[in-house]
Amino acid sequence: MERELRLGRASLGHGGAGAAAGRVRDLGRRSAHADTRDRGWRGTNSLWLAERGFEVLGIDVAPLAVERARAKLGGHGLACRFATLDILAADPPDGPFHFVFDRGCFHLFDEPDERARFAAALAPRGLWLSLIGSTEGPPREVGPPRRSAREVALAVEPALEIIELRSSEFRDHGALAWFCLARRRTMPAQSSYGVVASD
């Protein structure tokens, strides 16, 4: 996961370690509708980002996960805090955010207005880094819901501009994933139809 976060951090044009880079949101288990088997969030990525100069808000729907993340934070004096929140039911505090990291959250956003609402939480040109369950790989009984590359692109592009979409994996259980780095749009995506080449 650290490699993915490093790539997202580099895309922010972040300077040396410890330089301020704006507000970041780390999404754990994002909603009461999430897979209840996902119990791995402990705020680790939030702390990693805070150690590198970001002001971080880590969010999870489970109070126990937030309690454990706060215990891990301890008295380190980092610009990092944690909140219990169902992001499908309430807007997160302290926006807009320059960077949102989401590990397996994307599958919750089934409606275009939901995706647009979360894109609006980004600052202008803000980045959204998401690890999304992939349709690639063998059948499996556990792990995140699966999305094809086409489904990811169709879902992301109305609200966000895709910078990079490539194959990755959830390293804790080996399920294949899509690494999707996207940016808040400054203008709507243009139609792919009706373009006539000029002579």
Protein backbone atom coordinates (compact mmCIF):
# COMPACT_ATOMS: atom_id res chain seq x y z
CA MET A 1 0.00 0.00 0.00
CA GLU A 2 2.88 2.34 0.70
CA ARG A 3 3.90 2.20 -2.98
CA GLU A 4 0.42 3.29 -4.07
CA LEU A 5 0.42 6.15 -1.57
CA ARG A 6 3.87 7.23 -2.72
CA LEU A 7 2.57 7.44 -6.29
CA GLY A 8 -0.42 9.48 -5.20
CA ARG A 9 1.81 11.75 -3.15
CA ALA A 10 4.16 12.28 -6.08
CA SER A 11 1.21 13.25 -8.26
CA LEU A 12 0.38 16.04 -5.83
CA GLY A 13 3.69 17.64 -6.67
CA HIS A 14 4.64 17.22 -3.02
CA GLY A 15 8.08 18.41 -2.00
CA GLY A 16 10.36 16.81 0.56
CA ALA A 17 9.12 14.78 3.48
CA GLY A 18 7.49 16.96 6.09
CA ALA A 19 6.38 19.70 3.69
CA ALA A 20 2.74 20.71 4.04
CA ALA A 21 0.58 19.39 1.22
CA GLY A 22 -2.98 20.19 2.20
CA ARG A 23 -5.81 18.11 3.56
CA VAL A 24 -6.10 14.39 2.96
CA ARG A 25 -8.94 11.99 3.65
CA ASP A 26 -8.31 8.27 4.21
CA LEU A 27 -11.42 6.11 3.91
CA GLY A 28 -11.53 2.86 5.87
CA ARG A 29 -14.79 0.89 5.91
CA ARG A 30 -16.87 3.71 4.55
CA SER A 31 -20.47 2.74 5.08
CA ALA A 32 -22.76 0.51 7.06
CA HIS A 33 -23.42 -1.17 3.69
CA ALA A 34 -19.76 -2.20 3.34
CA ASP A 35 -18.56 -5.79 3.51
CA THR A 36 -18.52 -6.62 7.23
CA ARG A 37 -15.53 -8.92 6.69
CA ASP A 38 -13.35 -5.86 6.05
CA ARG A 39 -11.86 -5.39 9.50
CA GLY A 40 -8.30 -4.48 8.51
CA TRP A 41 -8.50 -0.67 8.72
CA ARG A 42 -6.40 0.66 11.58
CA GLY A 43 -5.53 4.11 10.26
CA THR A 44 -2.11 2.92 9.09
CA ASN A 45 -2.27 4.83 5.81
CA SER A 46 -3.50 7.95 7.59
CA LEU A 47 -0.51 7.85 9.91
CA TRP A 48 1.89 7.20 7.03
CA LEU A 49 0.59 10.29 5.22
CA ALA A 50 0.62 12.45 8.37
CA GLU A 51 4.25 11.50 9.02
CA ARG A 52 5.03 12.99 5.61
CA GLY A 53 3.48 16.36 6.27
CA PHE A 54 -0.17 15.93 5.33
CA GLU A 55 -3.09 17.07 7.48
CA VAL A 56 -5.16 13.88 7.56
CA LEU A 57 -8.72 12.91 8.43
CA GLY A 58 -9.22 9.12 8.63
CA ILE A 59 -12.83 7.90 8.42
CA ASP A 60 -14.43 4.54 9.18
CA VAL A 61 -18.00 3.48 9.91
CA ALA A 62 -16.91 1.16 12.74
CA PRO A 63 -16.31 2.82 16.14
CA LEU A 64 -13.92 0.01 17.15
CA ALA A 65 -11.73 0.61 14.07
CA VAL A 66 -11.59 4.34 14.84
CA GLU A 67 -10.77 3.60 18.49
CA ARG A 68 -7.88 1.36 17.43
CA ALA A 69 -6.60 3.97 14.98
CA ARG A 70 -6.65 6.63 17.70
CA ALA A 71 -4.73 4.30 20.01
CA LYS A 72 -2.12 3.78 17.29
CA LEU A 73 -1.82 7.55 16.86
CA GLY A 74 -1.17 7.92 20.59
CA GLY A 75 0.77 11.04 21.48
CA HIS A 76 2.80 11.30 18.29
CA GLY A 77 1.74 14.91 17.72
CA LEU A 78 0.85 14.36 14.06
CA ALA A 79 -1.72 16.43 12.14
CA CYS A 80 -4.02 13.41 12.01
CA ARG A 81 -7.41 12.68 13.50
CA PHE A 82 -10.04 10.00 13.10
CA ALA A 83 -13.82 10.11 12.86
CA THR A 84 -16.64 7.57 12.86
CA LEU A 85 -18.86 8.33 9.88
CA ASP A 86 -21.08 6.61 7.31
CA ILE A 87 -20.12 8.61 4.24
CA LEU A 88 -23.22 7.50 2.34
CA ALA A 89 -25.36 9.12 5.03
CA ALA A 90 -23.41 12.27 5.92
CA ASP A 91 -20.84 14.57 4.35
CA PRO A 92 -17.36 14.45 5.90
CA PRO A 93 -16.20 17.47 7.89
CA ASP A 94 -13.25 19.74 7.09
CA GLY A 95 -13.37 19.65 3.30
CA PRO A 96 -12.43 20.37 0.66
CA PHE A 97 -9.61 17.83 0.46
CA HIS A 98 -6.55 17.92 -1.78
CA PHE A 99 -6.21 14.13 -1.77
CA VAL A 100 -8.59 11.25 -0.96
CA PHE A 101 -7.30 7.70 -0.53
CA ASP A 102 -9.90 4.97 -0.72
CA ARG A 103 -9.14 1.27 -0.35
CA GLY A 104 -12.07 -0.75 -1.64
CA CYS A 105 -14.65 2.00 -1.18
CA PHE A 106 -15.46 2.71 -4.81
CA HIS A 107 -17.88 -0.21 -5.14
CA LEU A 108 -20.28 1.52 -2.74
CA PHE A 109 -20.89 4.39 -5.13
CA ASP A 110 -23.53 2.86 -7.38
CA GLU A 111 -25.39 6.06 -8.21
CA PRO A 112 -23.94 8.91 -10.32
CA ASP A 113 -25.12 11.53 -7.82
CA GLU A 114 -23.22 9.72 -5.03
CA ARG A 115 -20.00 9.80 -7.04
CA ALA A 116 -20.54 13.45 -7.96
CA ARG A 117 -21.13 14.35 -4.31
CA PHE A 118 -17.85 12.80 -3.22
CA ALA A 119 -15.97 14.34 -6.13
CA ALA A 120 -17.28 17.70 -4.90
CA ALA A 121 -15.43 17.11 -1.60
CA LEU A 122 -12.16 17.51 -3.51
CA ALA A 123 -10.44 20.86 -3.84
CA PRO A 124 -10.04 22.14 -7.42
CA ARG A 125 -7.68 19.73 -9.21
CA GLY A 126 -7.75 17.54 -6.09
CA LEU A 127 -6.77 13.87 -6.48
CA TRP A 128 -8.67 10.69 -5.67
CA LEU A 129 -6.63 7.47 -5.37
CA SER A 130 -8.73 4.31 -5.21
CA LEU A 131 -8.00 0.58 -5.04
CA ILE A 132 -10.99 -1.19 -6.61
CA GLY A 133 -11.78 -4.90 -6.77
CA SER A 134 -10.99 -6.26 -10.25
CA THR A 135 -12.78 -8.78 -12.47
CA GLU A 136 -9.37 -10.21 -13.38
CA GLY A 137 -7.97 -13.30 -11.69
CA PRO A 138 -9.49 -16.62 -10.63
CA PRO A 139 -12.87 -17.04 -8.90
CA ARG A 140 -12.84 -16.20 -5.19
CA GLU A 141 -15.24 -16.44 -2.28
CA VAL A 142 -13.98 -13.44 -0.29
CA GLY A 143 -12.61 -10.01 -1.03
CA PRO A 144 -14.03 -6.81 -2.49
CA PRO A 145 -16.79 -6.70 -5.12
CA ARG A 146 -15.42 -6.86 -8.64
CA ARG A 147 -15.47 -4.18 -11.33
CA SER A 148 -14.19 -4.31 -14.91
CA ALA A 149 -11.91 -1.60 -16.29
CA ARG A 150 -14.81 -0.44 -18.46
CA GLU A 151 -17.11 -0.15 -15.43
CA VAL A 152 -14.47 1.84 -13.56
CA ALA A 153 -13.95 4.25 -16.46
CA LEU A 154 -17.69 4.73 -17.04
CA ALA A 155 -18.25 5.41 -13.34
CA VAL A 156 -15.28 7.72 -12.76
CA GLU A 157 -15.21 9.85 -15.90
CA PRO A 158 -18.40 11.88 -15.41
CA ALA A 159 -17.08 13.31 -12.13
CA LEU A 160 -13.31 12.84 -12.29
CA GLU A 161 -10.57 12.85 -14.92
CA ILE A 162 -8.62 9.58 -14.95
CA ILE A 163 -4.86 10.11 -14.74
CA GLU A 164 -3.86 6.46 -14.42
CA LEU A 165 -5.71 3.14 -14.39
CA ARG A 166 -3.68 -0.05 -14.05
CA SER A 167 -3.70 -3.50 -12.51
CA SER A 168 -2.69 -3.87 -8.86
CA GLU A 169 -3.64 -6.08 -5.91
CA PHE A 170 -4.87 -6.04 -2.34
CA ARG A 171 -1.72 -7.36 -0.72
CA ASP A 172 -3.35 -8.56 2.49
CA HIS A 173 -5.44 -11.20 0.69
CA GLY A 174 -3.98 -11.24 -2.84
CA ALA A 175 -7.16 -10.27 -4.69
CA LEU A 176 -6.47 -8.38 -7.90
CA ALA A 177 -7.43 -4.73 -7.97
CA TRP A 178 -7.51 -1.65 -10.13
CA PHE A 179 -5.26 1.24 -9.12
CA CYS A 180 -7.16 4.33 -10.21
CA LEU A 181 -5.72 7.81 -9.78
CA ALA A 182 -8.13 10.53 -10.84
CA ARG A 183 -8.43 14.30 -10.57
CA ARG A 184 -11.41 16.57 -10.00
CA ARG A 185 -12.57 17.94 -13.33
CA THR A 186 -12.31 21.56 -14.32
CA MET A 187 -14.65 20.93 -17.27
CA PRO A 188 -17.05 18.11 -18.24
CA ALA A 189 -15.81 15.16 -20.26
CA GLN A 190 -16.56 15.62 -23.96
CA SER A 191 -18.67 13.25 -26.03
CA SER A 192 -16.80 10.52 -27.90
CA TYR A 193 -19.40 10.63 -30.70
CA GLY A 194 -20.20 13.08 -33.45
CA VAL A 195 -16.65 14.33 -34.05
CA VAL A 196 -16.04 14.86 -37.77
CA ALA A 197 -12.50 15.15 -39.08
CA SER A 198 -11.87 18.35 -41.01
CA ASP A 199 -10.31 18.33 -44.48
